[in-house]
Amino acid sequence: MNEVEFLLQYFGITADKLFPIAIILGLGLFLLFKYFLKPNFNFLKKSIKNIDDDLTKVNNATTEIQSYFTKQGFTMLHQLTMRPGSPFVLTEYGEKLVNESGFPEIFRQNREKIINTVKSYNPQTNYDIQEYSKKVLLENFLNDPIMKPVKDYAFQNSIKIEIILEAATLLVRDEVMKELKFDN
């Protein structure tokens, strides 16, 4: 093993983690050169709003890349919409997507319908509740007319609705867990 491989392994960077890291570093370098290292130093004139909009686009792109890798069987330990832990919790970005999409109001108005659909899968553990909540939102309600505000938000913000609904899973999970009260 050469010194570079040893150093990468020392920091926990293995071959399976290298590609996603390279993509994120590439996006970071692109933004650095595009906005902060221009020859005429126009970066001082760049408004905070424009930078925030660009970072939102980068967040959306990174989340979509993470979704792609997850569907290919890779485990993404640090998604942008959920923070690791037991149980998962929404990140600030995840909360923003869920709240701005209007999902909390949709859930409030259709709470019983959504919760009963999760319960119909007969979950036996809190983990089951989490996975069935995701399944219900992505399979049973994705094309339901009640999701129109979420779809409109997703379209207007160039983000896949699946990303928003996967984050919204945690709201549904928490409510079902309150009702079923498993010990695990």
C-alpha atoms as a PDB file:
ATOM      1  CA  MET A   1       0.000   0.000   0.000  1.00  0.00           C
ATOM      2  CA  ASN A   2       1.488   3.348  -0.975  1.00  0.00           C
ATOM      3  CA  GLU A   3       1.451   6.478   1.164  1.00  0.00           C
ATOM      4  CA  VAL A   4      -1.551   8.023  -0.607  1.00  0.00           C
ATOM      5  CA  GLU A   5      -3.720   4.931  -0.066  1.00  0.00           C
ATOM      6  CA  PHE A   6      -2.632   4.762   3.563  1.00  0.00           C
ATOM      7  CA  LEU A   7      -3.470   8.442   4.101  1.00  0.00           C
ATOM      8  CA  LEU A   8      -6.905   8.074   2.452  1.00  0.00           C
ATOM      9  CA  GLN A   9      -7.730   4.997   4.541  1.00  0.00           C
ATOM     10  CA  TYR A  10      -6.526   6.789   7.669  1.00  0.00           C
ATOM     11  CA  PHE A  11      -9.210   9.432   7.083  1.00  0.00           C
ATOM     12  CA  GLY A  12     -11.829   6.790   6.279  1.00  0.00           C
ATOM     13  CA  ILE A  13     -11.919   7.451   2.553  1.00  0.00           C
ATOM     14  CA  THR A  14     -12.336   4.157   0.729  1.00  0.00           C
ATOM     15  CA  ALA A  15     -12.973   3.472  -2.945  1.00  0.00           C
ATOM     16  CA  ASP A  16     -16.756   3.305  -2.473  1.00  0.00           C
ATOM     17  CA  LYS A  17     -16.786   6.794  -0.929  1.00  0.00           C
ATOM     18  CA  LEU A  18     -14.362   8.406  -3.365  1.00  0.00           C
ATOM     19  CA  PHE A  19     -16.765   9.084  -6.253  1.00  0.00           C
ATOM     20  CA  PRO A  20     -19.421  10.980  -4.231  1.00  0.00           C
ATOM     21  CA  ILE A  21     -16.666  12.953  -2.494  1.00  0.00           C
ATOM     22  CA  ALA A  22     -15.121  13.795  -5.868  1.00  0.00           C
ATOM     23  CA  ILE A  23     -18.476  15.066  -7.164  1.00  0.00           C
ATOM     24  CA  ILE A  24     -19.030  17.262  -4.117  1.00  0.00           C
ATOM     25  CA  LEU A  25     -15.456  18.620  -4.274  1.00  0.00           C
ATOM     26  CA  GLY A  26     -15.899  19.271  -7.989  1.00  0.00           C
ATOM     27  CA  LEU A  27     -19.086  21.263  -7.354  1.00  0.00           C
ATOM     28  CA  GLY A  28     -17.327  23.180  -4.598  1.00  0.00           C
ATOM     29  CA  LEU A  29     -14.372  24.030  -6.820  1.00  0.00           C
ATOM     30  CA  PHE A  30     -16.700  25.051  -9.624  1.00  0.00           C
ATOM     31  CA  LEU A  31     -18.524  27.492  -7.332  1.00  0.00           C
ATOM     32  CA  LEU A  32     -15.236  28.781  -5.957  1.00  0.00           C
ATOM     33  CA  PHE A  33     -13.882  29.575  -9.408  1.00  0.00           C
ATOM     34  CA  LYS A  34     -17.182  30.842 -10.783  1.00  0.00           C
ATOM     35  CA  TYR A  35     -17.972  33.319  -8.002  1.00  0.00           C
ATOM     36  CA  PHE A  36     -14.897  34.088  -5.984  1.00  0.00           C
ATOM     37  CA  LEU A  37     -11.853  33.839  -8.226  1.00  0.00           C
ATOM     38  CA  LYS A  38     -12.972  35.856 -11.223  1.00  0.00           C
ATOM     39  CA  PRO A  39     -10.125  37.897 -12.722  1.00  0.00           C
ATOM     40  CA  ASN A  40     -11.984  41.185 -12.257  1.00  0.00           C
ATOM     41  CA  PHE A  41     -13.037  40.363  -8.655  1.00  0.00           C
ATOM     42  CA  ASN A  42     -16.737  40.915  -9.287  1.00  0.00           C
ATOM     43  CA  PHE A  43     -17.440  38.641  -6.342  1.00  0.00           C
ATOM     44  CA  LEU A  44     -17.883  41.731  -4.153  1.00  0.00           C
ATOM     45  CA  LYS A  45     -20.849  42.766  -6.282  1.00  0.00           C
ATOM     46  CA  LYS A  46     -22.564  39.368  -6.058  1.00  0.00           C
ATOM     47  CA  SER A  47     -25.653  39.667  -3.920  1.00  0.00           C
ATOM     48  CA  ILE A  48     -26.349  37.336  -1.008  1.00  0.00           C
ATOM     49  CA  LYS A  49     -29.659  36.395  -2.637  1.00  0.00           C
ATOM     50  CA  ASN A  50     -27.938  35.148  -5.789  1.00  0.00           C
ATOM     51  CA  ILE A  51     -25.423  33.117  -3.794  1.00  0.00           C
ATOM     52  CA  ASP A  52     -28.253  31.631  -1.724  1.00  0.00           C
ATOM     53  CA  ASP A  53     -30.130  30.702  -4.920  1.00  0.00           C
ATOM     54  CA  ASP A  54     -27.011  29.050  -6.316  1.00  0.00           C
ATOM     55  CA  LEU A  55     -26.411  27.118  -3.105  1.00  0.00           C
ATOM     56  CA  THR A  56     -30.015  25.929  -3.184  1.00  0.00           C
ATOM     57  CA  LYS A  57     -29.401  24.615  -6.702  1.00  0.00           C
ATOM     58  CA  VAL A  58     -26.242  22.860  -5.499  1.00  0.00           C
ATOM     59  CA  ASN A  59     -28.176  21.367  -2.550  1.00  0.00           C
ATOM     60  CA  ASN A  60     -30.875  20.142  -4.943  1.00  0.00           C
ATOM     61  CA  ALA A  61     -28.287  18.654  -7.307  1.00  0.00           C
ATOM     62  CA  THR A  62     -26.385  16.981  -4.469  1.00  0.00           C
ATOM     63  CA  THR A  63     -29.604  15.557  -3.028  1.00  0.00           C
ATOM     64  CA  GLU A  64     -30.528  14.211  -6.449  1.00  0.00           C
ATOM     65  CA  ILE A  65     -27.075  12.628  -6.817  1.00  0.00           C
ATOM     66  CA  GLN A  66     -27.491  11.057  -3.394  1.00  0.00           C
ATOM     67  CA  SER A  67     -30.915   9.722  -4.402  1.00  0.00           C
ATOM     68  CA  TYR A  68     -29.424   8.193  -7.550  1.00  0.00           C
ATOM     69  CA  PHE A  69     -26.652   6.445  -5.621  1.00  0.00           C
ATOM     70  CA  THR A  70     -29.117   5.218  -3.004  1.00  0.00           C
ATOM     71  CA  LYS A  71     -31.293   3.687  -5.731  1.00  0.00           C
ATOM     72  CA  GLN A  72     -28.171   1.977  -7.126  1.00  0.00           C
ATOM     73  CA  GLY A  73     -27.645   0.266  -3.766  1.00  0.00           C
ATOM     74  CA  PHE A  74     -25.066   2.581  -2.204  1.00  0.00           C
ATOM     75  CA  THR A  75     -25.606   3.644   1.390  1.00  0.00           C
ATOM     76  CA  MET A  76     -25.529   7.404   1.870  1.00  0.00           C
ATOM     77  CA  LEU A  77     -24.816   8.052   5.507  1.00  0.00           C
ATOM     78  CA  HIS A  78     -25.139  11.829   5.404  1.00  0.00           C
ATOM     79  CA  GLN A  79     -28.057  12.898   3.242  1.00  0.00           C
ATOM     80  CA  LEU A  80     -28.812  16.590   2.976  1.00  0.00           C
ATOM     81  CA  THR A  81     -32.445  16.213   4.044  1.00  0.00           C
ATOM     82  CA  MET A  82     -31.970  13.861   7.012  1.00  0.00           C
ATOM     83  CA  ARG A  83     -29.492  13.824   9.853  1.00  0.00           C
ATOM     84  CA  PRO A  84     -28.197  10.445  10.984  1.00  0.00           C
ATOM     85  CA  GLY A  85     -29.219   9.204  14.379  1.00  0.00           C
ATOM     86  CA  SER A  86     -31.782   6.966  15.893  1.00  0.00           C
ATOM     87  CA  PRO A  87     -34.290   7.850  14.702  1.00  0.00           C
ATOM     88  CA  PHE A  88     -33.426  10.018  11.690  1.00  0.00           C
ATOM     89  CA  VAL A  89     -34.324  13.701  12.020  1.00  0.00           C
ATOM     90  CA  LEU A  90     -34.724  16.365   9.364  1.00  0.00           C
ATOM     91  CA  THR A  91     -31.859  18.707   8.630  1.00  0.00           C
ATOM     92  CA  GLU A  92     -32.546  22.427   8.285  1.00  0.00           C
ATOM     93  CA  TYR A  93     -32.666  21.924   4.519  1.00  0.00           C
ATOM     94  CA  GLY A  94     -35.076  18.983   4.896  1.00  0.00           C
ATOM     95  CA  GLU A  95     -37.349  21.050   7.142  1.00  0.00           C
ATOM     96  CA  LYS A  96     -37.281  23.881   4.599  1.00  0.00           C
ATOM     97  CA  LEU A  97     -38.324  21.568   1.754  1.00  0.00           C
ATOM     98  CA  VAL A  98     -41.101  19.931   3.742  1.00  0.00           C
ATOM     99  CA  ASN A  99     -42.498  23.177   5.187  1.00  0.00           C
ATOM    100  CA  GLU A 100     -42.273  25.300   2.034  1.00  0.00           C
ATOM    101  CA  SER A 101     -43.832  22.526  -0.059  1.00  0.00           C
ATOM    102  CA  GLY A 102     -47.011  22.682   2.016  1.00  0.00           C
ATOM    103  CA  PHE A 103     -46.793  19.067   3.162  1.00  0.00           C
ATOM    104  CA  PRO A 104     -47.557  19.803   6.845  1.00  0.00           C
ATOM    105  CA  GLU A 105     -50.942  21.283   5.877  1.00  0.00           C
ATOM    106  CA  ILE A 106     -51.660  18.378   3.504  1.00  0.00           C
ATOM    107  CA  PHE A 107     -50.808  15.958   6.297  1.00  0.00           C
ATOM    108  CA  ARG A 108     -52.967  17.847   8.783  1.00  0.00           C
ATOM    109  CA  GLN A 109     -55.960  17.669   6.429  1.00  0.00           C
ATOM    110  CA  ASN A 110     -55.393  14.005   5.465  1.00  0.00           C
ATOM    111  CA  ARG A 111     -53.813  12.703   8.656  1.00  0.00           C
ATOM    112  CA  GLU A 112     -56.170   9.778   9.272  1.00  0.00           C
ATOM    113  CA  LYS A 113     -56.109   8.634   5.647  1.00  0.00           C
ATOM    114  CA  ILE A 114     -52.288   8.611   5.508  1.00  0.00           C
ATOM    115  CA  ILE A 115     -51.794   7.091   8.972  1.00  0.00           C
ATOM    116  CA  ASN A 116     -54.377   4.364   8.358  1.00  0.00           C
ATOM    117  CA  THR A 117     -52.642   3.468   5.094  1.00  0.00           C
ATOM    118  CA  VAL A 118     -49.341   3.046   6.968  1.00  0.00           C
ATOM    119  CA  LYS A 119     -51.098   0.965   9.630  1.00  0.00           C
ATOM    120  CA  SER A 120     -52.644  -1.255   6.937  1.00  0.00           C
ATOM    121  CA  TYR A 121     -49.147  -2.661   6.266  1.00  0.00           C
ATOM    122  CA  ASN A 122     -49.172  -3.977   9.856  1.00  0.00           C
ATOM    123  CA  PRO A 123     -45.808  -2.614  11.027  1.00  0.00           C
ATOM    124  CA  GLN A 124     -44.228  -4.582  13.869  1.00  0.00           C
ATOM    125  CA  THR A 125     -41.373  -2.202  14.800  1.00  0.00           C
ATOM    126  CA  ASN A 126     -40.571   1.499  14.685  1.00  0.00           C
ATOM    127  CA  TYR A 127     -38.266   0.735  11.775  1.00  0.00           C
ATOM    128  CA  ASP A 128     -41.213  -0.835   9.943  1.00  0.00           C
ATOM    129  CA  ILE A 129     -43.226   2.316  10.614  1.00  0.00           C
ATOM    130  CA  GLN A 130     -40.463   4.444   9.090  1.00  0.00           C
ATOM    131  CA  GLU A 131     -40.149   2.250   5.989  1.00  0.00           C
ATOM    132  CA  TYR A 132     -43.914   1.874   5.483  1.00  0.00           C
ATOM    133  CA  SER A 133     -44.379   5.637   5.893  1.00  0.00           C
ATOM    134  CA  LYS A 134     -41.895   6.133   3.061  1.00  0.00           C
ATOM    135  CA  LYS A 135     -43.597   3.457   0.949  1.00  0.00           C
ATOM    136  CA  VAL A 136     -47.023   4.982   1.522  1.00  0.00           C
ATOM    137  CA  LEU A 137     -45.957   8.499   0.523  1.00  0.00           C
ATOM    138  CA  LEU A 138     -43.919   7.407  -2.505  1.00  0.00           C
ATOM    139  CA  GLU A 139     -46.238   4.695  -3.801  1.00  0.00           C
ATOM    140  CA  ASN A 140     -49.756   5.339  -2.519  1.00  0.00           C
ATOM    141  CA  PHE A 141     -49.888   9.135  -2.448  1.00  0.00           C
ATOM    142  CA  LEU A 142     -47.299  10.319  -5.002  1.00  0.00           C
ATOM    143  CA  ASN A 143     -49.946  10.681  -7.701  1.00  0.00           C
ATOM    144  CA  ASP A 144     -52.848  11.504  -5.403  1.00  0.00           C
ATOM    145  CA  PRO A 145     -54.469  14.915  -6.086  1.00  0.00           C
ATOM    146  CA  ILE A 146     -53.764  15.949  -2.477  1.00  0.00           C
ATOM    147  CA  MET A 147     -50.063  16.233  -3.430  1.00  0.00           C
ATOM    148  CA  LYS A 148     -50.662  19.002  -6.000  1.00  0.00           C
ATOM    149  CA  PRO A 149     -49.110  21.741  -3.791  1.00  0.00           C
ATOM    150  CA  VAL A 150     -46.003  19.598  -3.236  1.00  0.00           C
ATOM    151  CA  LYS A 151     -45.734  18.897  -6.968  1.00  0.00           C
ATOM    152  CA  ASP A 152     -46.129  22.598  -7.761  1.00  0.00           C
ATOM    153  CA  TYR A 153     -43.397  23.471  -5.241  1.00  0.00           C
ATOM    154  CA  ALA A 154     -41.123  20.753  -6.642  1.00  0.00           C
ATOM    155  CA  PHE A 155     -41.643  22.013 -10.196  1.00  0.00           C
ATOM    156  CA  GLN A 156     -41.108  25.671  -9.295  1.00  0.00           C
ATOM    157  CA  ASN A 157     -37.908  24.853  -7.392  1.00  0.00           C
ATOM    158  CA  SER A 158     -36.495  22.263  -9.820  1.00  0.00           C
ATOM    159  CA  ILE A 159     -36.404  19.446  -7.299  1.00  0.00           C
ATOM    160  CA  LYS A 160     -37.811  15.954  -7.534  1.00  0.00           C
ATOM    161  CA  ILE A 161     -40.969  15.408  -5.507  1.00  0.00           C
ATOM    162  CA  GLU A 162     -39.541  12.108  -4.246  1.00  0.00           C
ATOM    163  CA  ILE A 163     -36.860  14.027  -2.337  1.00  0.00           C
ATOM    164  CA  ILE A 164     -39.492  16.137  -0.579  1.00  0.00           C
ATOM    165  CA  LEU A 165     -41.747  13.176   0.191  1.00  0.00           C
ATOM    166  CA  GLU A 166     -38.846  11.097   1.489  1.00  0.00           C
ATOM    167  CA  ALA A 167     -38.082  13.896   3.950  1.00  0.00           C
ATOM    168  CA  ALA A 168     -41.796  14.205   4.796  1.00  0.00           C
ATOM    169  CA  THR A 169     -41.714  10.519   5.709  1.00  0.00           C
ATOM    170  CA  LEU A 170     -40.296  11.511   9.082  1.00  0.00           C
ATOM    171  CA  LEU A 171     -43.374  13.583   9.954  1.00  0.00           C
ATOM    172  CA  VAL A 172     -45.665  10.682   9.115  1.00  0.00           C
ATOM    173  CA  ARG A 173     -43.416   8.228  10.960  1.00  0.00           C
ATOM    174  CA  ASP A 174     -43.485  10.310  14.140  1.00  0.00           C
ATOM    175  CA  GLU A 175     -47.292  10.496  14.163  1.00  0.00           C
ATOM    176  CA  VAL A 176     -47.743   6.775  13.520  1.00  0.00           C
ATOM    177  CA  MET A 177     -45.208   6.006  16.255  1.00  0.00           C
ATOM    178  CA  LYS A 178     -47.270   8.084  18.695  1.00  0.00           C
ATOM    179  CA  GLU A 179     -50.292   5.943  17.939  1.00  0.00           C
ATOM    180  CA  LEU A 180     -48.682   2.493  17.879  1.00  0.00           C
ATOM    181  CA  LYS A 181     -46.131   3.064  20.696  1.00  0.00           C
ATOM    182  CA  PHE A 182     -43.627   0.250  20.128  1.00  0.00           C
ATOM    183  CA  ASP A 183     -40.866  -0.106  22.718  1.00  0.00           C
ATOM    184  CA  ASN A 184     -37.982  -0.351  20.227  1.00  0.00           C
END
